[in-house]
Amino acid sequence: MRFQLPLVALALAIPLTSGPARAAELTVRLSVKDAGFEPAELKVPPDARVRIEVTNDSASAIEFESFELNRERVVQPGQTAAVYVSGLAAGRYDFFDDFHQTRHGALVVE
């Protein structure tokens, strides 16, 4: 019976959490038109979990690609695809349409 009180006190002293704190989650929208990406620059805070919704408003398939983000995704005309990135440090992360090399943009983390 003597050991029950310390165990109860220990149990009450441990904070009840569901694990480590999660980074902020953010959705940004990116449209691909014949002339290029709109907007050409997306701005997000550091360490955020980012969902980039890429909508292809052009007449042909595009491939969202970024060497810095290590992501690539083919998006058919009229379709929207999600590209997820997280834990990014401040900086500029370029992306482009691999099927149409004149379309360029950047994810700016600041």
C-alpha atoms as a PDB file:
ATOM      1  CA  MET A   1       0.000   0.000   0.000  1.00  0.00           C
ATOM      2  CA  ARG A   2       2.917   2.348   0.635  1.00  0.00           C
ATOM      3  CA  PHE A   3       3.956   2.307  -3.051  1.00  0.00           C
ATOM      4  CA  GLN A   4       0.618   3.370  -4.506  1.00  0.00           C
ATOM      5  CA  LEU A   5       0.868   7.006  -3.539  1.00  0.00           C
ATOM      6  CA  PRO A   6       4.196   7.658  -5.341  1.00  0.00           C
ATOM      7  CA  LEU A   7       2.910   5.924  -8.496  1.00  0.00           C
ATOM      8  CA  VAL A   8      -0.236   8.053  -8.524  1.00  0.00           C
ATOM      9  CA  ALA A   9       1.822  11.196  -7.986  1.00  0.00           C
ATOM     10  CA  LEU A  10       4.153  10.192 -10.833  1.00  0.00           C
ATOM     11  CA  ALA A  11       1.234   9.496 -13.161  1.00  0.00           C
ATOM     12  CA  LEU A  12      -0.255  12.923 -12.459  1.00  0.00           C
ATOM     13  CA  ALA A  13       3.076  14.660 -13.013  1.00  0.00           C
ATOM     14  CA  ILE A  14       3.484  13.312 -16.578  1.00  0.00           C
ATOM     15  CA  PRO A  15       1.870  15.684 -19.085  1.00  0.00           C
ATOM     16  CA  LEU A  16      -0.680  14.101 -21.365  1.00  0.00           C
ATOM     17  CA  THR A  17       0.326  14.855 -24.960  1.00  0.00           C
ATOM     18  CA  SER A  18      -0.272  13.150 -28.268  1.00  0.00           C
ATOM     19  CA  GLY A  19       3.379  13.221 -29.333  1.00  0.00           C
ATOM     20  CA  PRO A  20       5.672  15.876 -30.701  1.00  0.00           C
ATOM     21  CA  ALA A  21       4.166  19.167 -31.845  1.00  0.00           C
ATOM     22  CA  ARG A  22       3.259  19.223 -35.517  1.00  0.00           C
ATOM     23  CA  ALA A  23       4.430  21.941 -37.891  1.00  0.00           C
ATOM     24  CA  ALA A  24       1.825  24.305 -39.306  1.00  0.00           C
ATOM     25  CA  GLU A  25       0.026  22.925 -42.359  1.00  0.00           C
ATOM     26  CA  LEU A  26      -0.542  25.219 -45.314  1.00  0.00           C
ATOM     27  CA  THR A  27      -2.175  24.826 -48.742  1.00  0.00           C
ATOM     28  CA  VAL A  28      -1.008  27.019 -51.618  1.00  0.00           C
ATOM     29  CA  ARG A  29      -2.492  27.007 -55.112  1.00  0.00           C
ATOM     30  CA  LEU A  30      -0.505  27.063 -58.314  1.00  0.00           C
ATOM     31  CA  SER A  31      -2.056  27.311 -61.773  1.00  0.00           C
ATOM     32  CA  VAL A  32      -0.305  26.368 -64.998  1.00  0.00           C
ATOM     33  CA  LYS A  33      -1.381  28.396 -68.000  1.00  0.00           C
ATOM     34  CA  ASP A  34       0.058  28.431 -71.523  1.00  0.00           C
ATOM     35  CA  ALA A  35       2.155  31.472 -70.553  1.00  0.00           C
ATOM     36  CA  GLY A  36       3.572  29.885 -67.373  1.00  0.00           C
ATOM     37  CA  PHE A  37       2.959  29.384 -63.654  1.00  0.00           C
ATOM     38  CA  GLU A  38       0.551  31.699 -61.819  1.00  0.00           C
ATOM     39  CA  PRO A  39       1.777  32.914 -59.447  1.00  0.00           C
ATOM     40  CA  ALA A  40       5.392  32.507 -60.503  1.00  0.00           C
ATOM     41  CA  GLU A  41       6.473  32.652 -56.836  1.00  0.00           C
ATOM     42  CA  LEU A  42       4.816  30.999 -53.868  1.00  0.00           C
ATOM     43  CA  LYS A  43       5.777  32.228 -50.392  1.00  0.00           C
ATOM     44  CA  VAL A  44       5.558  29.976 -47.324  1.00  0.00           C
ATOM     45  CA  PRO A  45       7.001  30.032 -43.785  1.00  0.00           C
ATOM     46  CA  PRO A  46       9.927  27.797 -42.754  1.00  0.00           C
ATOM     47  CA  ASP A  47       9.235  24.333 -41.321  1.00  0.00           C
ATOM     48  CA  ALA A  48       5.618  24.296 -42.525  1.00  0.00           C
ATOM     49  CA  ARG A  49       3.987  21.217 -44.010  1.00  0.00           C
ATOM     50  CA  VAL A  50       2.987  22.564 -47.426  1.00  0.00           C
ATOM     51  CA  ARG A  51       0.449  21.160 -49.855  1.00  0.00           C
ATOM     52  CA  ILE A  52       0.965  22.679 -53.316  1.00  0.00           C
ATOM     53  CA  GLU A  53      -2.205  22.247 -55.383  1.00  0.00           C
ATOM     54  CA  VAL A  54      -1.046  22.291 -59.017  1.00  0.00           C
ATOM     55  CA  THR A  55      -3.927  22.906 -61.456  1.00  0.00           C
ATOM     56  CA  ASN A  56      -3.220  22.439 -65.147  1.00  0.00           C
ATOM     57  CA  ASP A  57      -5.186  25.102 -67.018  1.00  0.00           C
ATOM     58  CA  SER A  58      -3.212  24.561 -70.242  1.00  0.00           C
ATOM     59  CA  ALA A  59      -4.183  22.476 -73.281  1.00  0.00           C
ATOM     60  CA  SER A  60      -1.543  19.772 -72.767  1.00  0.00           C
ATOM     61  CA  ALA A  61      -0.069  17.660 -69.976  1.00  0.00           C
ATOM     62  CA  ILE A  62       2.567  19.248 -67.754  1.00  0.00           C
ATOM     63  CA  GLU A  63       5.176  17.830 -65.409  1.00  0.00           C
ATOM     64  CA  PHE A  64       5.730  19.832 -62.239  1.00  0.00           C
ATOM     65  CA  GLU A  65       9.365  19.155 -61.363  1.00  0.00           C
ATOM     66  CA  SER A  66      11.862  20.457 -58.836  1.00  0.00           C
ATOM     67  CA  PHE A  67      15.356  19.131 -58.216  1.00  0.00           C
ATOM     68  CA  GLU A  68      15.652  21.151 -54.970  1.00  0.00           C
ATOM     69  CA  LEU A  69      12.357  19.798 -53.609  1.00  0.00           C
ATOM     70  CA  ASN A  70      12.989  16.310 -55.035  1.00  0.00           C
ATOM     71  CA  ARG A  71       9.466  16.205 -56.488  1.00  0.00           C
ATOM     72  CA  GLU A  72       7.897  15.555 -59.874  1.00  0.00           C
ATOM     73  CA  ARG A  73       4.274  15.087 -60.818  1.00  0.00           C
ATOM     74  CA  VAL A  74       2.514  14.802 -64.182  1.00  0.00           C
ATOM     75  CA  VAL A  75      -0.782  16.704 -64.345  1.00  0.00           C
ATOM     76  CA  GLN A  76      -3.199  16.246 -67.236  1.00  0.00           C
ATOM     77  CA  PRO A  77      -5.163  19.183 -68.749  1.00  0.00           C
ATOM     78  CA  GLY A  78      -8.005  20.278 -66.454  1.00  0.00           C
ATOM     79  CA  GLN A  79      -6.697  18.204 -63.530  1.00  0.00           C
ATOM     80  CA  THR A  80      -5.335  19.219 -60.105  1.00  0.00           C
ATOM     81  CA  ALA A  81      -2.607  17.307 -58.282  1.00  0.00           C
ATOM     82  CA  ALA A  82      -1.207  17.748 -54.790  1.00  0.00           C
ATOM     83  CA  VAL A  83       2.525  17.978 -54.142  1.00  0.00           C
ATOM     84  CA  TYR A  84       3.610  17.829 -50.489  1.00  0.00           C
ATOM     85  CA  VAL A  85       6.806  19.258 -48.990  1.00  0.00           C
ATOM     86  CA  SER A  86       7.764  19.858 -45.375  1.00  0.00           C
ATOM     87  CA  GLY A  87      10.557  20.915 -43.065  1.00  0.00           C
ATOM     88  CA  LEU A  88      12.044  23.411 -45.512  1.00  0.00           C
ATOM     89  CA  ALA A  89      14.636  25.903 -44.339  1.00  0.00           C
ATOM     90  CA  ALA A  90      14.557  29.515 -45.529  1.00  0.00           C
ATOM     91  CA  GLY A  91      15.582  29.813 -49.156  1.00  0.00           C
ATOM     92  CA  ARG A  92      14.441  29.623 -52.755  1.00  0.00           C
ATOM     93  CA  TYR A  93      13.370  26.307 -54.271  1.00  0.00           C
ATOM     94  CA  ASP A  94      12.984  26.441 -58.052  1.00  0.00           C
ATOM     95  CA  PHE A  95      10.465  24.358 -60.012  1.00  0.00           C
ATOM     96  CA  PHE A  96       9.613  24.047 -63.696  1.00  0.00           C
ATOM     97  CA  ASP A  97       7.433  22.268 -66.229  1.00  0.00           C
ATOM     98  CA  ASP A  98       9.655  19.516 -67.604  1.00  0.00           C
ATOM     99  CA  PHE A  99       7.423  19.111 -70.682  1.00  0.00           C
ATOM    100  CA  HIS A 100       7.570  22.851 -71.503  1.00  0.00           C
ATOM    101  CA  GLN A 101      10.979  24.185 -70.473  1.00  0.00           C
ATOM    102  CA  THR A 102       9.952  27.853 -70.716  1.00  0.00           C
ATOM    103  CA  ARG A 103       7.678  27.601 -67.632  1.00  0.00           C
ATOM    104  CA  HIS A 104       9.569  28.329 -64.402  1.00  0.00           C
ATOM    105  CA  GLY A 105       8.632  29.285 -60.857  1.00  0.00           C
ATOM    106  CA  ALA A 106       9.867  29.151 -57.259  1.00  0.00           C
ATOM    107  CA  LEU A 107       8.773  28.280 -53.758  1.00  0.00           C
ATOM    108  CA  VAL A 108      10.220  31.001 -51.520  1.00  0.00           C
ATOM    109  CA  VAL A 109      10.554  30.043 -47.860  1.00  0.00           C
ATOM    110  CA  GLU A 110      10.873  33.058 -45.550  1.00  0.00           C
END
